[in-house]
Amino acid sequence: MNDIKIEDFSTFSKRIEDDFKKDTSITSGEWTISRRLRDKVTQAGSFAPFYGYTSVYMLSDEDRAKCLEIQREIAMKHGNMLIQLPESTFHLTAHEFCNEYTVSHDRCDIDQREDEIDGSIRDLFHSLHEQYGNQEITLDALGPSTHGSDAISIKFVPATCGDSDILQTIFHDSENIWQVGKAYTPHVSLAYFRTEQFPENDVELLYEDIREIVRKTAFSITFSADDLVYQRHYDMKDFRKILSVSEA
């Protein structure tokens, strides 16, 4: 049973904004290395094998460039803390499906579970193409935040009630196929943290600079349901298309 409910526009936006303010309000404190982070990056600072399936909205060149500008500004001062994602991989996550977190670390197990839901995903994508097609969805950027100590990503809120309804409906229908059990927060990942214990001063400076970038952030991204792609990933920079809504 799907326990995630579709929120109205104001509730959806306020939840994201409240979480974002909490994430960016940190001023000091000891850095805690995320346990899950070690599944995605290596001690040497590269991306570790992380197998699974996901759906993402592909971004236009123009919108990826907007995200790249923020990545570069953060990396200019804090690149030693980060493992940066290539611009070509920038996407807006739609929904995760079978992966090493949600199934097991065994690829055969993951593929077997994916085979069980493959038909449902193809039916959903066909339905989304028929219902929404190239209808535009616009999101307004709040800015970058850390969301714990895993990654830096740009968080977004829907520009209008209509954008909110489409975005949440797609997530809700995906959740009916494979339950994640977490409310949806639109985001574009820019970099993952290294598995190191950073000095408190470095952490304080990171958050100071993030807040400064947030104050300057003022852009939107636009895509459509047809830009939704179902992918297999081998690590966090290696995503390979299986199916797109535009082809369904």
C-alpha atoms as a PDB file:
ATOM      1  CA  MET A   1       0.000   0.000   0.000  1.00  0.00           C
ATOM      2  CA  ASN A   2       1.259   3.489  -0.915  1.00  0.00           C
ATOM      3  CA  ASP A   3       1.455   5.574   2.260  1.00  0.00           C
ATOM      4  CA  ILE A   4       2.720   8.718   0.520  1.00  0.00           C
ATOM      5  CA  LYS A   5      -0.140  11.153  -0.057  1.00  0.00           C
ATOM      6  CA  ILE A   6      -0.284  13.850  -2.696  1.00  0.00           C
ATOM      7  CA  GLU A   7       0.095  17.192  -0.922  1.00  0.00           C
ATOM      8  CA  ASP A   8      -1.572  20.402  -2.031  1.00  0.00           C
ATOM      9  CA  PHE A   9       0.678  23.001  -3.651  1.00  0.00           C
ATOM     10  CA  SER A  10       1.304  25.112  -0.553  1.00  0.00           C
ATOM     11  CA  THR A  11       1.892  22.112   1.751  1.00  0.00           C
ATOM     12  CA  PHE A  12       4.288  20.491  -0.719  1.00  0.00           C
ATOM     13  CA  SER A  13       6.271  23.701  -1.199  1.00  0.00           C
ATOM     14  CA  LYS A  14       6.335  24.578   2.502  1.00  0.00           C
ATOM     15  CA  ARG A  15       7.649  21.135   3.497  1.00  0.00           C
ATOM     16  CA  ILE A  16      10.494  21.418   1.007  1.00  0.00           C
ATOM     17  CA  GLU A  17      11.261  25.006   2.026  1.00  0.00           C
ATOM     18  CA  ASP A  18      11.222  24.165   5.750  1.00  0.00           C
ATOM     19  CA  ASP A  19      13.575  21.218   5.249  1.00  0.00           C
ATOM     20  CA  PHE A  20      15.806  23.382   3.092  1.00  0.00           C
ATOM     21  CA  LYS A  21      16.018  26.128   5.720  1.00  0.00           C
ATOM     22  CA  LYS A  22      16.929  23.538   8.332  1.00  0.00           C
ATOM     23  CA  ASP A  23      19.628  22.045   6.088  1.00  0.00           C
ATOM     24  CA  THR A  24      21.202  25.439   5.375  1.00  0.00           C
ATOM     25  CA  SER A  25      20.962  26.897   8.902  1.00  0.00           C
ATOM     26  CA  ILE A  26      23.836  24.847  10.330  1.00  0.00           C
ATOM     27  CA  THR A  27      26.567  27.137  11.690  1.00  0.00           C
ATOM     28  CA  SER A  28      28.911  24.745  13.465  1.00  0.00           C
ATOM     29  CA  GLY A  29      29.248  21.199  14.676  1.00  0.00           C
ATOM     30  CA  GLU A  30      31.233  18.040  14.258  1.00  0.00           C
ATOM     31  CA  TRP A  31      31.070  16.479  10.805  1.00  0.00           C
ATOM     32  CA  THR A  32      29.475  13.019  10.767  1.00  0.00           C
ATOM     33  CA  ILE A  33      30.430  10.704   7.925  1.00  0.00           C
ATOM     34  CA  SER A  34      27.287   9.143   6.479  1.00  0.00           C
ATOM     35  CA  ARG A  35      27.234   5.359   6.716  1.00  0.00           C
ATOM     36  CA  ARG A  36      25.453   5.117   3.369  1.00  0.00           C
ATOM     37  CA  LEU A  37      28.024   7.312   1.662  1.00  0.00           C
ATOM     38  CA  ARG A  38      30.595   4.498   1.717  1.00  0.00           C
ATOM     39  CA  ASP A  39      28.311   2.511  -0.612  1.00  0.00           C
ATOM     40  CA  LYS A  40      28.622   5.179  -3.309  1.00  0.00           C
ATOM     41  CA  VAL A  41      32.154   6.575  -3.040  1.00  0.00           C
ATOM     42  CA  THR A  42      35.546   5.099  -2.273  1.00  0.00           C
ATOM     43  CA  GLN A  43      38.111   6.164   0.297  1.00  0.00           C
ATOM     44  CA  ALA A  44      40.339   7.177  -2.604  1.00  0.00           C
ATOM     45  CA  GLY A  45      37.755   9.681  -3.826  1.00  0.00           C
ATOM     46  CA  SER A  46      36.139   7.951  -6.801  1.00  0.00           C
ATOM     47  CA  PHE A  47      32.642   6.616  -7.395  1.00  0.00           C
ATOM     48  CA  ALA A  48      32.098   3.094  -6.098  1.00  0.00           C
ATOM     49  CA  PRO A  49      29.946   0.544  -7.935  1.00  0.00           C
ATOM     50  CA  PHE A  50      26.305   1.141  -6.986  1.00  0.00           C
ATOM     51  CA  TYR A  51      23.850  -0.856  -9.070  1.00  0.00           C
ATOM     52  CA  GLY A  52      20.176  -0.273  -9.552  1.00  0.00           C
ATOM     53  CA  TYR A  53      17.305   1.365 -11.420  1.00  0.00           C
ATOM     54  CA  THR A  54      15.866   4.854 -11.253  1.00  0.00           C
ATOM     55  CA  SER A  55      13.733   7.349 -13.162  1.00  0.00           C
ATOM     56  CA  VAL A  56      14.979  10.869 -13.811  1.00  0.00           C
ATOM     57  CA  TYR A  57      13.984  13.977 -15.742  1.00  0.00           C
ATOM     58  CA  MET A  58      16.633  14.850 -18.312  1.00  0.00           C
ATOM     59  CA  LEU A  59      17.586  18.528 -18.240  1.00  0.00           C
ATOM     60  CA  SER A  60      18.205  20.860 -21.147  1.00  0.00           C
ATOM     61  CA  ASP A  61      21.725  22.101 -21.854  1.00  0.00           C
ATOM     62  CA  GLU A  62      20.668  25.520 -20.591  1.00  0.00           C
ATOM     63  CA  ASP A  63      19.367  24.171 -17.277  1.00  0.00           C
ATOM     64  CA  ARG A  64      22.412  21.954 -16.725  1.00  0.00           C
ATOM     65  CA  ALA A  65      24.580  25.035 -17.233  1.00  0.00           C
ATOM     66  CA  LYS A  66      22.682  26.848 -14.472  1.00  0.00           C
ATOM     67  CA  CYS A  67      23.390  23.977 -12.099  1.00  0.00           C
ATOM     68  CA  LEU A  68      27.026  23.817 -13.201  1.00  0.00           C
ATOM     69  CA  GLU A  69      27.532  27.446 -12.235  1.00  0.00           C
ATOM     70  CA  ILE A  70      26.560  26.637  -8.643  1.00  0.00           C
ATOM     71  CA  GLN A  71      28.712  23.502  -8.592  1.00  0.00           C
ATOM     72  CA  ARG A  72      31.729  25.504  -9.756  1.00  0.00           C
ATOM     73  CA  GLU A  73      31.192  28.230  -7.179  1.00  0.00           C
ATOM     74  CA  ILE A  74      31.094  25.697  -4.340  1.00  0.00           C
ATOM     75  CA  ALA A  75      34.014  23.669  -5.693  1.00  0.00           C
ATOM     76  CA  MET A  76      36.163  26.766  -6.079  1.00  0.00           C
ATOM     77  CA  LYS A  77      36.577  26.949  -2.288  1.00  0.00           C
ATOM     78  CA  HIS A  78      35.547  23.487  -1.120  1.00  0.00           C
ATOM     79  CA  GLY A  79      36.594  21.137  -3.905  1.00  0.00           C
ATOM     80  CA  ASN A  80      38.852  19.220  -1.507  1.00  0.00           C
ATOM     81  CA  MET A  81      35.722  18.035   0.333  1.00  0.00           C
ATOM     82  CA  LEU A  82      33.877  16.850  -2.757  1.00  0.00           C
ATOM     83  CA  ILE A  83      33.712  14.229  -5.496  1.00  0.00           C
ATOM     84  CA  GLN A  84      32.060  16.219  -8.267  1.00  0.00           C
ATOM     85  CA  LEU A  85      29.554  14.824 -10.729  1.00  0.00           C
ATOM     86  CA  PRO A  86      30.116  15.571 -14.435  1.00  0.00           C
ATOM     87  CA  GLU A  87      27.743  18.152 -15.895  1.00  0.00           C
ATOM     88  CA  SER A  88      26.559  15.563 -18.422  1.00  0.00           C
ATOM     89  CA  THR A  89      25.046  13.510 -15.585  1.00  0.00           C
ATOM     90  CA  PHE A  90      23.001  16.343 -14.037  1.00  0.00           C
ATOM     91  CA  HIS A  91      19.349  15.310 -13.814  1.00  0.00           C
ATOM     92  CA  LEU A  92      16.321  15.821 -11.600  1.00  0.00           C
ATOM     93  CA  THR A  93      15.585  12.614  -9.728  1.00  0.00           C
ATOM     94  CA  ALA A  94      11.995  11.417 -10.169  1.00  0.00           C
ATOM     95  CA  HIS A  95      11.889   8.117  -8.254  1.00  0.00           C
ATOM     96  CA  GLU A  96      14.284   5.370  -7.242  1.00  0.00           C
ATOM     97  CA  PHE A  97      13.369   1.757  -7.856  1.00  0.00           C
ATOM     98  CA  CYS A  98      15.327  -1.464  -7.278  1.00  0.00           C
ATOM     99  CA  ASN A  99      18.867  -0.794  -6.070  1.00  0.00           C
ATOM    100  CA  GLU A 100      21.438  -1.856  -3.511  1.00  0.00           C
ATOM    101  CA  TYR A 101      19.620   0.081  -0.784  1.00  0.00           C
ATOM    102  CA  THR A 102      16.107  -1.126  -1.526  1.00  0.00           C
ATOM    103  CA  VAL A 103      16.827  -4.784  -2.425  1.00  0.00           C
ATOM    104  CA  SER A 104      20.298  -6.121  -1.647  1.00  0.00           C
ATOM    105  CA  HIS A 105      23.904  -5.854  -2.811  1.00  0.00           C
ATOM    106  CA  ASP A 106      23.359  -8.780  -5.177  1.00  0.00           C
ATOM    107  CA  ARG A 107      22.848  -7.713  -8.800  1.00  0.00           C
ATOM    108  CA  CYS A 108      20.917 -10.869  -9.616  1.00  0.00           C
ATOM    109  CA  ASP A 109      18.432 -10.099  -6.839  1.00  0.00           C
ATOM    110  CA  ILE A 110      18.062  -6.521  -8.067  1.00  0.00           C
ATOM    111  CA  ASP A 111      17.528  -7.588 -11.691  1.00  0.00           C
ATOM    112  CA  GLN A 112      15.008 -10.224 -10.641  1.00  0.00           C
ATOM    113  CA  ARG A 113      12.952  -7.675  -8.720  1.00  0.00           C
ATOM    114  CA  GLU A 114      13.216  -5.237 -11.610  1.00  0.00           C
ATOM    115  CA  ASP A 115      11.898  -7.880 -14.017  1.00  0.00           C
ATOM    116  CA  GLU A 116       8.817  -8.186 -11.793  1.00  0.00           C
ATOM    117  CA  ILE A 117       7.944  -4.481 -12.136  1.00  0.00           C
ATOM    118  CA  ASP A 118       9.220  -3.793 -15.672  1.00  0.00           C
ATOM    119  CA  GLY A 119       5.781  -4.192 -17.255  1.00  0.00           C
ATOM    120  CA  SER A 120       4.181  -1.824 -14.742  1.00  0.00           C
ATOM    121  CA  ILE A 121       6.823   0.819 -15.423  1.00  0.00           C
ATOM    122  CA  ARG A 122       6.286   0.549 -19.177  1.00  0.00           C
ATOM    123  CA  ASP A 123       2.521   0.872 -18.679  1.00  0.00           C
ATOM    124  CA  LEU A 124       3.060   3.932 -16.470  1.00  0.00           C
ATOM    125  CA  PHE A 125       5.336   5.594 -19.016  1.00  0.00           C
ATOM    126  CA  HIS A 126       2.822   5.002 -21.797  1.00  0.00           C
ATOM    127  CA  SER A 127       0.083   6.502 -19.615  1.00  0.00           C
ATOM    128  CA  LEU A 128       2.224   9.551 -18.766  1.00  0.00           C
ATOM    129  CA  HIS A 129       2.932  10.177 -22.436  1.00  0.00           C
ATOM    130  CA  GLU A 130      -0.776  10.005 -23.241  1.00  0.00           C
ATOM    131  CA  GLN A 131      -1.815  12.164 -20.268  1.00  0.00           C
ATOM    132  CA  TYR A 132       0.921  14.805 -20.068  1.00  0.00           C
ATOM    133  CA  GLY A 133       3.278  14.380 -23.023  1.00  0.00           C
ATOM    134  CA  ASN A 134       5.276  17.546 -23.604  1.00  0.00           C
ATOM    135  CA  GLN A 135       3.275  19.666 -21.142  1.00  0.00           C
ATOM    136  CA  GLU A 136       5.851  21.859 -19.416  1.00  0.00           C
ATOM    137  CA  ILE A 137       6.730  21.565 -15.734  1.00  0.00           C
ATOM    138  CA  THR A 138       8.601  24.505 -14.201  1.00  0.00           C
ATOM    139  CA  LEU A 139      10.468  24.419 -10.893  1.00  0.00           C
ATOM    140  CA  ASP A 140      12.048  27.326  -9.009  1.00  0.00           C
ATOM    141  CA  ALA A 141      15.470  26.777  -7.457  1.00  0.00           C
ATOM    142  CA  LEU A 142      15.892  27.347  -3.733  1.00  0.00           C
ATOM    143  CA  GLY A 143      19.638  26.851  -3.933  1.00  0.00           C
ATOM    144  CA  PRO A 144      22.188  24.264  -2.798  1.00  0.00           C
ATOM    145  CA  SER A 145      22.068  22.359   0.484  1.00  0.00           C
ATOM    146  CA  THR A 146      23.809  19.336   1.945  1.00  0.00           C
ATOM    147  CA  HIS A 147      20.808  17.326   3.167  1.00  0.00           C
ATOM    148  CA  GLY A 148      22.988  15.629   5.781  1.00  0.00           C
ATOM    149  CA  SER A 149      26.545  14.637   4.906  1.00  0.00           C
ATOM    150  CA  ASP A 150      26.010  12.583   1.732  1.00  0.00           C
ATOM    151  CA  ALA A 151      25.866  15.093  -1.086  1.00  0.00           C
ATOM    152  CA  ILE A 152      25.343  18.663  -2.205  1.00  0.00           C
ATOM    153  CA  SER A 153      22.283  19.158  -4.349  1.00  0.00           C
ATOM    154  CA  ILE A 154      20.070  21.979  -5.554  1.00  0.00           C
ATOM    155  CA  LYS A 155      16.570  21.819  -4.131  1.00  0.00           C
ATOM    156  CA  PHE A 156      13.518  22.984  -6.083  1.00  0.00           C
ATOM    157  CA  VAL A 157       9.866  23.860  -5.494  1.00  0.00           C
ATOM    158  CA  PRO A 158       7.097  23.858  -8.127  1.00  0.00           C
ATOM    159  CA  ALA A 159       6.380  27.208  -9.750  1.00  0.00           C
ATOM    160  CA  THR A 160       2.601  26.699  -9.888  1.00  0.00           C
ATOM    161  CA  CYS A 161      -0.155  24.467  -8.590  1.00  0.00           C
ATOM    162  CA  GLY A 162      -0.274  22.711 -11.957  1.00  0.00           C
ATOM    163  CA  ASP A 163       3.449  21.955 -11.838  1.00  0.00           C
ATOM    164  CA  SER A 164       3.030  20.569  -8.328  1.00  0.00           C
ATOM    165  CA  ASP A 165       0.131  18.323  -9.335  1.00  0.00           C
ATOM    166  CA  ILE A 166       1.939  16.743 -12.298  1.00  0.00           C
ATOM    167  CA  LEU A 167       5.206  16.254 -10.431  1.00  0.00           C
ATOM    168  CA  GLN A 168       3.536  14.655  -7.432  1.00  0.00           C
ATOM    169  CA  THR A 169       1.199  12.506  -9.513  1.00  0.00           C
ATOM    170  CA  ILE A 170       4.173  11.013 -11.363  1.00  0.00           C
ATOM    171  CA  PHE A 171       5.951  10.319  -8.075  1.00  0.00           C
ATOM    172  CA  HIS A 172       2.810   8.867  -6.495  1.00  0.00           C
ATOM    173  CA  ASP A 173       2.139   6.575  -9.459  1.00  0.00           C
ATOM    174  CA  SER A 174       5.780   5.428  -9.353  1.00  0.00           C
ATOM    175  CA  GLU A 175       5.463   4.814  -5.625  1.00  0.00           C
ATOM    176  CA  ASN A 176       2.510   2.523  -6.360  1.00  0.00           C
ATOM    177  CA  ILE A 177       4.910   0.359  -8.362  1.00  0.00           C
ATOM    178  CA  TRP A 178       7.896   0.450  -6.001  1.00  0.00           C
ATOM    179  CA  GLN A 179       7.605   1.943  -2.532  1.00  0.00           C
ATOM    180  CA  VAL A 180      10.401   4.144  -1.287  1.00  0.00           C
ATOM    181  CA  GLY A 181       8.332   5.329   1.658  1.00  0.00           C
ATOM    182  CA  LYS A 182       9.754   8.867   1.672  1.00  0.00           C
ATOM    183  CA  ALA A 183       8.085  12.099   0.636  1.00  0.00           C
ATOM    184  CA  TYR A 184       9.365  13.545  -2.634  1.00  0.00           C
ATOM    185  CA  THR A 185      11.855  16.422  -2.732  1.00  0.00           C
ATOM    186  CA  PRO A 186      12.886  17.577  -6.234  1.00  0.00           C
ATOM    187  CA  HIS A 187      16.679  17.916  -6.433  1.00  0.00           C
ATOM    188  CA  VAL A 188      19.658  17.892  -8.756  1.00  0.00           C
ATOM    189  CA  SER A 189      22.789  16.339  -7.249  1.00  0.00           C
ATOM    190  CA  LEU A 190      26.055  18.201  -7.877  1.00  0.00           C
ATOM    191  CA  ALA A 191      28.646  16.308  -5.838  1.00  0.00           C
ATOM    192  CA  TYR A 192      29.141  13.719  -3.128  1.00  0.00           C
ATOM    193  CA  PHE A 193      31.274  14.267  -0.062  1.00  0.00           C
ATOM    194  CA  ARG A 194      34.529  12.448   0.500  1.00  0.00           C
ATOM    195  CA  THR A 195      34.514   9.926   3.327  1.00  0.00           C
ATOM    196  CA  GLU A 196      36.686  12.095   5.535  1.00  0.00           C
ATOM    197  CA  GLN A 197      36.295  13.763   8.902  1.00  0.00           C
ATOM    198  CA  PHE A 198      36.388  17.446   7.971  1.00  0.00           C
ATOM    199  CA  PRO A 199      37.617  20.071  10.473  1.00  0.00           C
ATOM    200  CA  GLU A 200      34.857  22.133  12.066  1.00  0.00           C
ATOM    201  CA  ASN A 201      36.261  25.312  10.551  1.00  0.00           C
ATOM    202  CA  ASP A 202      35.982  23.860   7.037  1.00  0.00           C
ATOM    203  CA  VAL A 203      32.382  22.839   7.728  1.00  0.00           C
ATOM    204  CA  GLU A 204      31.505  26.314   9.037  1.00  0.00           C
ATOM    205  CA  LEU A 205      33.008  27.962   5.958  1.00  0.00           C
ATOM    206  CA  LEU A 206      31.137  25.545   3.667  1.00  0.00           C
ATOM    207  CA  TYR A 207      27.780  26.459   5.168  1.00  0.00           C
ATOM    208  CA  GLU A 208      28.599  30.171   5.136  1.00  0.00           C
ATOM    209  CA  ASP A 209      29.314  29.978   1.424  1.00  0.00           C
ATOM    210  CA  ILE A 210      26.217  27.852   0.756  1.00  0.00           C
ATOM    211  CA  ARG A 211      24.042  30.479   2.451  1.00  0.00           C
ATOM    212  CA  GLU A 212      25.672  33.208   0.363  1.00  0.00           C
ATOM    213  CA  ILE A 213      24.947  31.267  -2.835  1.00  0.00           C
ATOM    214  CA  VAL A 214      21.342  30.689  -1.699  1.00  0.00           C
ATOM    215  CA  ARG A 215      20.873  34.437  -1.313  1.00  0.00           C
ATOM    216  CA  LYS A 216      21.908  34.900  -4.951  1.00  0.00           C
ATOM    217  CA  THR A 217      20.023  31.933  -6.406  1.00  0.00           C
ATOM    218  CA  ALA A 218      17.210  33.020  -8.717  1.00  0.00           C
ATOM    219  CA  PHE A 219      16.524  30.667 -11.609  1.00  0.00           C
ATOM    220  CA  SER A 220      14.041  28.090 -12.813  1.00  0.00           C
ATOM    221  CA  ILE A 221      14.272  24.865 -14.803  1.00  0.00           C
ATOM    222  CA  THR A 222      11.680  23.565 -17.241  1.00  0.00           C
ATOM    223  CA  PHE A 223      11.066  20.061 -18.550  1.00  0.00           C
ATOM    224  CA  SER A 224       8.122  17.792 -19.364  1.00  0.00           C
ATOM    225  CA  ALA A 225       6.864  14.310 -18.610  1.00  0.00           C
ATOM    226  CA  ASP A 226       8.308  13.292 -21.997  1.00  0.00           C
ATOM    227  CA  ASP A 227      11.765  14.045 -20.537  1.00  0.00           C
ATOM    228  CA  LEU A 228      11.298  11.312 -17.924  1.00  0.00           C
ATOM    229  CA  VAL A 229      13.708   8.415 -18.473  1.00  0.00           C
ATOM    230  CA  TYR A 230      13.955   5.000 -16.817  1.00  0.00           C
ATOM    231  CA  GLN A 231      17.617   4.116 -16.325  1.00  0.00           C
ATOM    232  CA  ARG A 232      19.980   1.487 -15.019  1.00  0.00           C
ATOM    233  CA  HIS A 233      22.916   2.861 -13.020  1.00  0.00           C
ATOM    234  CA  TYR A 234      26.259   1.218 -12.331  1.00  0.00           C
ATOM    235  CA  ASP A 235      27.593   4.028 -10.155  1.00  0.00           C
ATOM    236  CA  MET A 236      26.517   7.610  -9.483  1.00  0.00           C
ATOM    237  CA  LYS A 237      27.947   8.944 -12.746  1.00  0.00           C
ATOM    238  CA  ASP A 238      27.101   6.011 -15.020  1.00  0.00           C
ATOM    239  CA  PHE A 239      23.393   6.010 -15.945  1.00  0.00           C
ATOM    240  CA  ARG A 240      22.149   4.161 -19.034  1.00  0.00           C
ATOM    241  CA  LYS A 241      18.709   4.652 -20.578  1.00  0.00           C
ATOM    242  CA  ILE A 242      16.251   1.777 -20.788  1.00  0.00           C
ATOM    243  CA  LEU A 243      13.058   3.641 -21.711  1.00  0.00           C
ATOM    244  CA  SER A 244      11.774   7.204 -21.991  1.00  0.00           C
ATOM    245  CA  VAL A 245       8.226   8.481 -21.703  1.00  0.00           C
ATOM    246  CA  SER A 246       8.569  10.101 -25.148  1.00  0.00           C
ATOM    247  CA  GLU A 247       9.163   6.642 -26.634  1.00  0.00           C
ATOM    248  CA  ALA A 248       6.536   4.791 -24.623  1.00  0.00           C
END
